[in-house]
N, C-alpha and C. Protein backbone atom coordinates (compact mmCIF):
# COMPACT_ATOMS: atom_id res chain seq x y z
N MET A 1 10.68 -22.20 -9.73
CA MET A 1 11.99 -21.57 -9.98
C MET A 1 12.36 -20.08 -9.42
N LEU A 2 10.97 -19.31 -10.11
CA LEU A 2 11.16 -17.96 -9.51
C LEU A 2 11.05 -17.53 -8.29
N HIS A 3 10.34 -18.64 -7.63
CA HIS A 3 10.05 -18.40 -6.30
C HIS A 3 11.34 -18.61 -5.53
N LYS A 4 11.93 -19.36 -5.63
CA LYS A 4 13.23 -19.84 -5.04
C LYS A 4 14.49 -18.11 -5.32
N ILE A 5 14.24 -17.61 -6.44
CA ILE A 5 15.06 -16.67 -6.66
C ILE A 5 14.93 -15.61 -5.86
N PHE A 6 13.26 -15.37 -5.63
CA PHE A 6 12.86 -14.29 -5.23
C PHE A 6 13.12 -14.17 -3.37
N LYS A 7 13.02 -15.60 -3.71
CA LYS A 7 13.57 -16.17 -1.84
C LYS A 7 15.06 -15.77 -1.51
N ILE A 8 15.93 -15.58 -2.31
CA ILE A 8 16.87 -15.46 -2.06
C ILE A 8 17.61 -13.77 -2.19
N VAL A 9 16.67 -13.33 -2.95
CA VAL A 9 16.78 -11.95 -3.01
C VAL A 9 16.30 -10.92 -2.15
N ALA A 10 15.42 -11.69 -1.57
CA ALA A 10 14.88 -11.16 0.35
C ALA A 10 15.85 -11.49 1.19
N ILE A 11 16.32 -12.58 1.38
CA ILE A 11 17.56 -13.20 2.21
C ILE A 11 18.57 -12.22 2.10
N VAL A 12 18.86 -11.91 1.36
CA VAL A 12 20.22 -10.97 1.04
C VAL A 12 20.13 -9.79 1.42
N LEU A 13 18.94 -8.96 0.72
CA LEU A 13 18.37 -7.63 1.17
C LEU A 13 18.29 -7.70 2.44
N SER A 14 17.65 -8.70 3.28
CA SER A 14 17.25 -8.88 4.57
C SER A 14 18.45 -8.98 5.19
N LEU A 15 19.36 -9.47 4.92
CA LEU A 15 21.00 -9.61 5.66
C LEU A 15 21.49 -8.60 5.86
N ALA A 16 21.55 -7.72 4.65
CA ALA A 16 22.09 -6.60 4.13
C ALA A 16 21.56 -5.50 5.14
N GLY A 17 20.13 -5.31 5.27
CA GLY A 17 19.62 -4.43 6.23
C GLY A 17 20.13 -4.44 7.74
N VAL A 18 19.83 -5.73 8.25
CA VAL A 18 20.36 -6.28 9.37
C VAL A 18 21.76 -6.10 9.45
N ILE A 19 22.69 -6.13 8.84
CA ILE A 19 23.99 -5.89 9.07
C ILE A 19 24.15 -3.88 9.08
N PHE A 20 23.41 -3.45 8.28
CA PHE A 20 23.76 -1.95 8.06
C PHE A 20 22.96 -1.33 9.68
N LEU A 21 21.89 -2.05 10.02
CA LEU A 21 21.26 -1.49 11.04
C LEU A 21 21.95 -1.80 12.38
N ALA A 22 22.86 -2.63 12.69
CA ALA A 22 23.74 -3.26 13.49
C ALA A 22 24.88 -1.96 13.72
N ARG A 23 25.42 -1.92 12.51
CA ARG A 23 26.64 -0.76 12.31
C ARG A 23 25.93 0.68 12.69
N ILE A 24 24.76 0.75 12.72
CA ILE A 24 24.03 2.26 13.01
C ILE A 24 23.99 2.14 14.46
N ILE A 25 23.36 0.96 15.10
CA ILE A 25 23.13 0.86 16.25
C ILE A 25 24.98 1.27 17.23
N ALA A 26 25.46 0.20 16.29
CA ALA A 26 26.91 0.43 17.68
C ALA A 26 27.70 1.82 17.15
N ALA A 27 27.35 2.57 16.06
CA ALA A 27 27.79 3.51 16.45
C ALA A 27 27.20 4.49 17.18
N GLY A 28 25.87 4.75 17.55
CA GLY A 28 25.81 5.11 18.52
C GLY A 28 24.77 6.67 17.95
N ASP A 29 23.63 7.25 18.69
CA ASP A 29 22.79 8.51 18.03
C ASP A 29 23.98 9.55 18.19
N GLU A 30 24.71 9.69 18.85
CA GLU A 30 25.28 11.27 19.00
C GLU A 30 26.29 11.09 17.66
N ALA A 31 26.93 9.59 17.29
CA ALA A 31 28.15 10.02 16.35
C ALA A 31 27.60 10.06 15.22
N ILE A 32 26.06 9.72 15.11
CA ILE A 32 25.46 10.23 13.55
C ILE A 32 25.00 11.12 13.55
N GLU A 33 24.40 11.95 14.50
CA GLU A 33 23.82 13.22 14.89
C GLU A 33 24.80 14.54 14.56
N THR A 34 26.00 14.15 15.03
CA THR A 34 27.40 14.78 14.86
C THR A 34 28.03 15.06 13.40
N GLY A 35 27.86 13.78 12.73
CA GLY A 35 28.46 13.52 11.37
C GLY A 35 29.41 12.97 11.40
N GLU A 36 29.83 12.36 12.73
CA GLU A 36 31.08 11.46 12.34
C GLU A 36 31.13 9.86 11.63
N LYS A 37 29.67 9.68 11.79
CA LYS A 37 29.53 8.22 10.94
C LYS A 37 28.46 8.64 10.38
N ALA A 38 27.72 9.62 9.81
CA ALA A 38 26.82 10.28 8.67
C ALA A 38 26.66 9.00 7.66
N GLY A 39 27.95 8.41 7.33
CA GLY A 39 27.74 7.45 6.35
C GLY A 39 27.45 6.16 5.88
N LEU A 40 27.09 5.67 7.73
CA LEU A 40 26.49 4.68 7.96
C LEU A 40 24.56 4.89 7.31
N VAL A 41 24.39 6.02 7.50
CA VAL A 41 22.79 5.88 7.29
C VAL A 41 22.36 5.54 5.66
N ASP A 42 23.35 5.91 4.89
CA ASP A 42 23.35 5.98 3.45
C ASP A 42 23.07 4.57 2.79
N PRO A 43 23.73 3.56 3.58
CA PRO A 43 24.16 2.43 2.78
C PRO A 43 22.45 1.65 3.17
N ILE A 44 21.93 1.89 4.58
CA ILE A 44 20.71 1.18 4.90
C ILE A 44 19.70 2.09 3.80
N ALA A 45 19.69 3.21 3.84
CA ALA A 45 18.72 4.01 3.03
C ALA A 45 18.49 3.46 1.50
N SER A 46 19.91 3.15 1.00
CA SER A 46 20.01 2.40 -0.44
C SER A 46 18.96 1.19 -0.36
N VAL A 47 19.29 0.24 0.53
CA VAL A 47 18.61 -1.17 0.80
C VAL A 47 17.12 -0.80 0.75
N ALA A 48 16.71 0.17 1.56
CA ALA A 48 15.21 0.61 1.43
C ALA A 48 14.61 0.81 -0.05
N TYR A 49 15.43 1.78 -0.73
CA TYR A 49 15.05 2.16 -1.65
C TYR A 49 14.94 0.93 -2.60
N ILE A 50 15.63 0.24 -2.58
CA ILE A 50 15.82 -1.02 -3.51
C ILE A 50 14.17 -1.67 -3.18
N ILE A 51 14.41 -1.88 -1.94
CA ILE A 51 13.00 -2.99 -1.27
C ILE A 51 11.93 -2.30 -2.27
N LEU A 52 11.61 -0.97 -1.71
CA LEU A 52 10.44 -0.28 -2.17
C LEU A 52 10.16 -0.05 -3.59
N GLY A 53 11.32 -0.17 -4.67
CA GLY A 53 11.37 0.19 -5.86
C GLY A 53 10.93 -1.54 -5.95
N LEU A 54 11.32 -2.34 -5.66
CA LEU A 54 11.10 -4.04 -6.09
C LEU A 54 9.48 -4.20 -5.82
N VAL A 55 8.84 -3.63 -4.68
CA VAL A 55 7.66 -3.99 -3.85
C VAL A 55 6.62 -3.04 -5.05
N LEU A 56 6.95 -1.96 -5.31
CA LEU A 56 6.08 -1.16 -6.63
C LEU A 56 6.36 -1.99 -8.10
N ALA A 57 7.41 -2.46 -8.35
CA ALA A 57 7.54 -2.97 -9.63
C ALA A 57 6.71 -4.49 -9.41
N PHE A 58 6.64 -5.15 -8.81
CA PHE A 58 5.96 -6.44 -8.60
C PHE A 58 4.23 -6.30 -8.50
N VAL A 59 4.17 -5.10 -7.53
CA VAL A 59 2.92 -4.71 -7.35
C VAL A 59 1.98 -4.05 -8.63
N VAL A 60 2.82 -3.30 -9.38
CA VAL A 60 2.31 -3.09 -10.99
C VAL A 60 2.30 -4.10 -11.86
N VAL A 61 3.50 -5.12 -12.01
CA VAL A 61 3.05 -6.15 -12.66
C VAL A 61 1.94 -7.21 -12.51
N PHE A 62 2.00 -7.26 -11.15
CA PHE A 62 0.76 -8.25 -11.14
C PHE A 62 -0.55 -7.80 -11.15
N VAL A 63 -0.57 -6.31 -10.41
CA VAL A 63 -2.03 -5.66 -11.06
C VAL A 63 -2.11 -5.79 -12.51
N VAL A 64 -1.43 -5.41 -13.50
CA VAL A 64 -1.46 -5.23 -14.64
C VAL A 64 -1.76 -6.63 -15.31
N LYS A 65 -1.11 -7.57 -14.82
CA LYS A 65 -1.29 -8.78 -15.29
C LYS A 65 -2.43 -9.45 -14.75
N ASN A 66 -3.20 -9.14 -13.68
CA ASN A 66 -4.44 -9.63 -13.16
C ASN A 66 -5.59 -9.14 -13.90
N LEU A 67 -5.49 -7.29 -14.47
CA LEU A 67 -6.38 -6.92 -15.02
C LEU A 67 -6.65 -7.62 -16.90
N PHE A 68 -5.27 -8.04 -17.31
CA PHE A 68 -5.88 -8.81 -18.62
C PHE A 68 -6.10 -10.19 -18.35
N THR A 69 -6.51 -10.98 -17.35
CA THR A 69 -6.21 -12.08 -17.13
C THR A 69 -7.80 -11.75 -16.73
N ASN A 70 -8.49 -11.06 -16.11
CA ASN A 70 -9.80 -11.23 -15.88
C ASN A 70 -10.82 -9.52 -16.48
N THR A 71 -11.44 -10.32 -17.40
CA THR A 71 -11.80 -8.86 -17.86
C THR A 71 -12.93 -8.01 -17.62
N ALA A 72 -13.69 -8.89 -16.79
CA ALA A 72 -14.45 -8.21 -16.05
C ALA A 72 -13.88 -6.92 -14.87
N GLY A 73 -12.82 -7.64 -13.95
CA GLY A 73 -12.13 -6.63 -13.27
C GLY A 73 -11.72 -5.88 -14.09
N LEU A 74 -11.19 -5.54 -15.38
CA LEU A 74 -10.79 -4.58 -16.61
C LEU A 74 -11.76 -3.43 -16.53
N LYS A 75 -13.37 -3.94 -16.69
CA LYS A 75 -14.24 -3.09 -17.18
C LYS A 75 -14.22 -2.30 -15.89
N ASN A 76 -14.37 -3.05 -14.93
CA ASN A 76 -14.72 -2.02 -13.48
C ASN A 76 -13.33 -1.46 -13.06
N THR A 77 -12.25 -1.44 -13.55
CA THR A 77 -11.29 -0.93 -13.10
C THR A 77 -11.39 0.33 -14.12
N LEU A 78 -11.57 0.27 -15.63
CA LEU A 78 -11.26 1.44 -16.19
C LEU A 78 -12.42 2.37 -15.75
N ILE A 79 -13.72 1.63 -15.28
CA ILE A 79 -14.70 2.56 -14.64
C ILE A 79 -14.30 3.67 -13.55
N GLY A 80 -13.75 3.33 -12.79
CA GLY A 80 -12.89 3.55 -11.97
C GLY A 80 -11.84 4.53 -12.15
N VAL A 81 -11.28 4.40 -13.09
CA VAL A 81 -10.03 5.48 -13.56
C VAL A 81 -10.66 6.13 -14.30
N GLY A 82 -11.50 5.90 -14.74
CA GLY A 82 -12.28 7.39 -15.80
C GLY A 82 -12.85 8.21 -15.06
N ALA A 83 -13.92 7.81 -13.86
CA ALA A 83 -14.45 8.70 -12.73
C ALA A 83 -13.28 9.46 -11.93
N PHE A 84 -12.24 8.60 -11.75
CA PHE A 84 -11.34 9.88 -10.85
C PHE A 84 -10.95 10.54 -12.06
N ALA A 85 -10.54 10.44 -13.45
CA ALA A 85 -9.98 11.33 -14.45
C ALA A 85 -10.83 12.23 -14.54
N ALA A 86 -12.41 12.07 -14.20
CA ALA A 86 -13.45 13.03 -14.73
C ALA A 86 -13.64 14.24 -13.25
N VAL A 87 -13.33 13.19 -11.93
CA VAL A 87 -13.14 14.24 -10.94
C VAL A 87 -11.84 15.15 -10.80
N LEU A 88 -10.82 14.70 -11.38
CA LEU A 88 -9.72 15.34 -11.54
C LEU A 88 -9.95 16.50 -12.43
N ILE A 89 -10.24 16.46 -13.66
CA ILE A 89 -10.91 17.57 -14.19
C ILE A 89 -11.95 18.08 -14.11
N ILE A 90 -12.87 18.23 -13.26
CA ILE A 90 -13.95 18.57 -12.93
C ILE A 90 -13.64 19.69 -12.12
N SER A 91 -12.36 19.26 -11.47
CA SER A 91 -11.70 19.92 -10.05
C SER A 91 -10.99 20.95 -10.71
N TYR A 92 -10.11 20.66 -11.84
CA TYR A 92 -9.40 21.76 -12.33
C TYR A 92 -9.95 22.58 -12.89
N VAL A 93 -11.13 22.76 -13.81
CA VAL A 93 -11.65 23.10 -14.53
C VAL A 93 -12.51 24.44 -13.28
N MET A 94 -12.76 23.82 -12.16
CA MET A 94 -13.54 24.68 -11.30
C MET A 94 -12.61 25.82 -10.30
N ALA A 95 -11.27 25.00 -10.35
CA ALA A 95 -10.49 25.87 -9.70
C ALA A 95 -9.88 27.24 -10.22
N GLY A 96 -9.78 28.15 -9.80
CA GLY A 96 -9.36 29.34 -10.50
C GLY A 96 -8.02 29.64 -10.39
N GLY A 97 -7.03 30.66 -10.56
CA GLY A 97 -6.26 31.18 -10.24
C GLY A 97 -6.61 32.32 -9.03
N ASP A 98 -5.84 32.48 -7.96
CA ASP A 98 -6.22 33.54 -7.10
C ASP A 98 -5.17 34.64 -7.28
N GLU A 99 -5.93 35.57 -6.84
CA GLU A 99 -5.56 37.18 -7.22
C GLU A 99 -4.50 37.58 -5.93
N LEU A 100 -4.40 36.77 -4.79
CA LEU A 100 -3.55 36.95 -3.73
C LEU A 100 -2.06 36.56 -4.06
N LYS A 101 -0.85 36.58 -3.63
CA LYS A 101 -0.14 36.30 -4.42
C LYS A 101 0.83 35.61 -2.58
N TYR A 102 0.98 34.26 -2.95
CA TYR A 102 1.25 33.56 -1.99
C TYR A 102 2.83 33.34 -2.15
N ARG A 103 3.30 33.84 -0.99
CA ARG A 103 5.21 33.79 -1.02
C ARG A 103 5.57 32.45 -0.55
N LEU A 104 6.58 32.33 -1.52
CA LEU A 104 7.39 30.75 -1.60
C LEU A 104 9.14 31.36 -1.06
N GLU A 105 9.44 29.96 -0.84
CA GLU A 105 11.05 30.03 -0.62
C GLU A 105 11.68 31.00 -2.21
N ASP A 106 11.45 30.62 -2.72
CA ASP A 106 12.36 31.22 -3.98
C ASP A 106 11.34 32.18 -4.83
N GLY A 107 10.52 32.85 -4.12
CA GLY A 107 9.76 33.84 -4.80
C GLY A 107 8.18 33.68 -4.72
N PHE A 108 7.16 33.87 -5.75
CA PHE A 108 5.75 34.09 -5.49
C PHE A 108 5.19 32.66 -6.61
N ALA A 109 4.29 32.11 -5.82
CA ALA A 109 3.48 31.18 -6.32
C ALA A 109 2.98 31.95 -7.71
N THR A 110 2.61 31.07 -8.35
CA THR A 110 2.73 31.42 -10.03
C THR A 110 1.06 31.28 -10.12
N ASP A 111 0.38 31.53 -11.25
CA ASP A 111 -1.52 31.50 -11.20
C ASP A 111 -1.38 29.65 -11.59
N ALA A 112 -0.53 29.54 -12.07
CA ALA A 112 -0.70 27.54 -12.44
C ALA A 112 -0.82 27.04 -11.18
N GLN A 113 0.38 27.17 -10.54
CA GLN A 113 0.57 26.38 -9.08
C GLN A 113 -0.58 26.86 -8.14
N SER A 114 -1.28 28.03 -8.34
CA SER A 114 -2.15 28.02 -7.13
C SER A 114 -3.42 27.59 -7.96
N GLN A 115 -3.96 27.26 -9.26
CA GLN A 115 -4.55 26.69 -9.85
C GLN A 115 -4.84 25.33 -9.59
N MET A 116 -3.29 24.62 -9.58
CA MET A 116 -3.09 23.35 -9.03
C MET A 116 -3.63 23.22 -7.89
N VAL A 117 -3.04 23.78 -6.90
CA VAL A 117 -3.67 23.85 -5.43
C VAL A 117 -4.66 23.76 -5.09
N GLY A 118 -5.66 24.59 -5.81
CA GLY A 118 -6.95 24.40 -6.07
C GLY A 118 -7.35 23.59 -6.34
N ALA A 119 -6.96 23.04 -7.40
CA ALA A 119 -7.82 21.56 -7.95
C ALA A 119 -7.38 20.25 -7.08
N GLY A 120 -6.30 20.04 -6.67
CA GLY A 120 -6.13 19.43 -5.14
C GLY A 120 -7.02 19.16 -4.25
N LEU A 121 -7.05 20.25 -4.02
CA LEU A 121 -8.23 20.69 -2.76
C LEU A 121 -9.74 20.41 -2.90
N THR A 122 -9.93 20.86 -4.30
CA THR A 122 -11.23 20.59 -4.77
C THR A 122 -11.57 19.24 -4.91
N ALA A 123 -10.71 18.18 -5.66
CA ALA A 123 -10.87 17.18 -5.80
C ALA A 123 -10.96 16.36 -4.66
N PHE A 124 -10.07 16.89 -3.68
CA PHE A 124 -10.30 16.25 -2.02
C PHE A 124 -11.31 15.93 -1.47
N TYR A 125 -11.91 17.24 -1.81
CA TYR A 125 -13.56 17.54 -1.25
C TYR A 125 -14.21 16.91 -2.12
N ILE A 126 -14.20 16.88 -3.24
CA ILE A 126 -15.34 15.67 -3.65
C ILE A 126 -15.06 14.44 -3.49
N LEU A 127 -14.02 13.96 -3.23
CA LEU A 127 -13.64 12.72 -3.22
C LEU A 127 -14.18 12.31 -1.85
N ILE A 128 -14.36 13.29 -0.86
CA ILE A 128 -14.38 13.11 0.38
C ILE A 128 -15.96 13.18 0.96
N VAL A 129 -16.51 13.64 0.28
CA VAL A 129 -18.38 13.61 0.06
C VAL A 129 -18.89 12.32 -0.54
N VAL A 130 -17.83 11.80 -1.95
CA VAL A 130 -18.46 10.26 -2.60
C VAL A 130 -18.14 9.72 -1.40
N ALA A 131 -16.64 9.57 -0.92
CA ALA A 131 -16.80 8.33 0.28
C ALA A 131 -18.08 8.51 0.98
N ALA A 132 -18.43 9.41 2.05
CA ALA A 132 -19.27 9.58 2.84
C ALA A 132 -20.39 8.95 2.51
N LEU A 133 -20.88 9.74 1.54
CA LEU A 133 -22.23 9.02 0.50
C LEU A 133 -22.21 7.35 0.54
N ALA A 134 -20.98 6.71 -0.10
CA ALA A 134 -20.85 5.40 -0.35
C ALA A 134 -21.14 4.84 0.98
N MET A 135 -20.34 5.49 2.62
CA MET A 135 -20.47 4.61 3.68
C MET A 135 -22.23 4.85 3.95
N ILE A 136 -22.42 5.91 3.83
CA ILE A 136 -24.16 6.09 4.21
C ILE A 136 -25.17 4.98 3.48
N PHE A 137 -24.49 5.13 2.16
CA PHE A 137 -25.47 4.23 1.37
C PHE A 137 -25.20 2.77 1.68
N SER A 138 -24.05 2.26 2.00
CA SER A 138 -24.03 1.02 2.32
C SER A 138 -24.50 0.62 3.51
N GLY A 139 -24.59 1.34 4.56
CA GLY A 139 -24.72 1.34 5.71
C GLY A 139 -26.86 1.14 5.72
N VAL A 140 -27.21 2.06 5.00
CA VAL A 140 -28.81 2.28 4.73
C VAL A 140 -29.03 1.23 4.25
N LYS A 141 -28.59 0.47 3.26
CA LYS A 141 -28.38 -0.68 2.25
C LYS A 141 -28.93 -2.26 3.15
N LYS A 142 -27.64 -1.83 4.18
CA LYS A 142 -27.16 -3.17 4.96
C LYS A 142 -28.37 -3.62 6.26
N VAL A 143 -28.94 -2.00 6.62
CA VAL A 143 -30.15 -2.08 7.48
C VAL A 143 -31.10 -2.48 6.90
N ILE A 144 -31.76 -1.67 5.40
CA ILE A 144 -32.89 -2.35 5.06
C ILE A 144 -33.20 -3.98 4.90
N SER A 145 -31.64 -4.32 4.56
CA SER A 145 -31.34 -5.85 3.81
C SER A 145 -31.74 -6.73 5.05
N LYS A 146 -31.88 -6.44 6.23
CA LYS A 146 -31.84 -7.40 7.44
C LYS A 146 -33.70 -7.26 8.02
């Protein structure tokens, strides 16, 4: 029953997307760029947002469902989430405010904003190194096992 409902919703959203796309194509690029038919883009954007929201909701529901039905997977997931949270915390602690004042559109960046950017960059660098080491370790392990 649920499969039929999903099929019907997918067909309705697909038809709406095709109809709105046909209207945009019929209006032409120049009409939309000049603003004459700017209202034609909003409906297809709404359909895209609806589809994105539905996909995200289904992904979250099925991931959570799978986590609770597979307890071994839940343990591994929690270890991964904990490690990622540890990387973020370490990155935030390591990042400090910057003495330089960075100009933004509406003023200057605050120390907190500067620290968050630094933490994001530090976390990115840590995760890059971890990923590279994991690939190297996997490759060496594969060569040794042959």
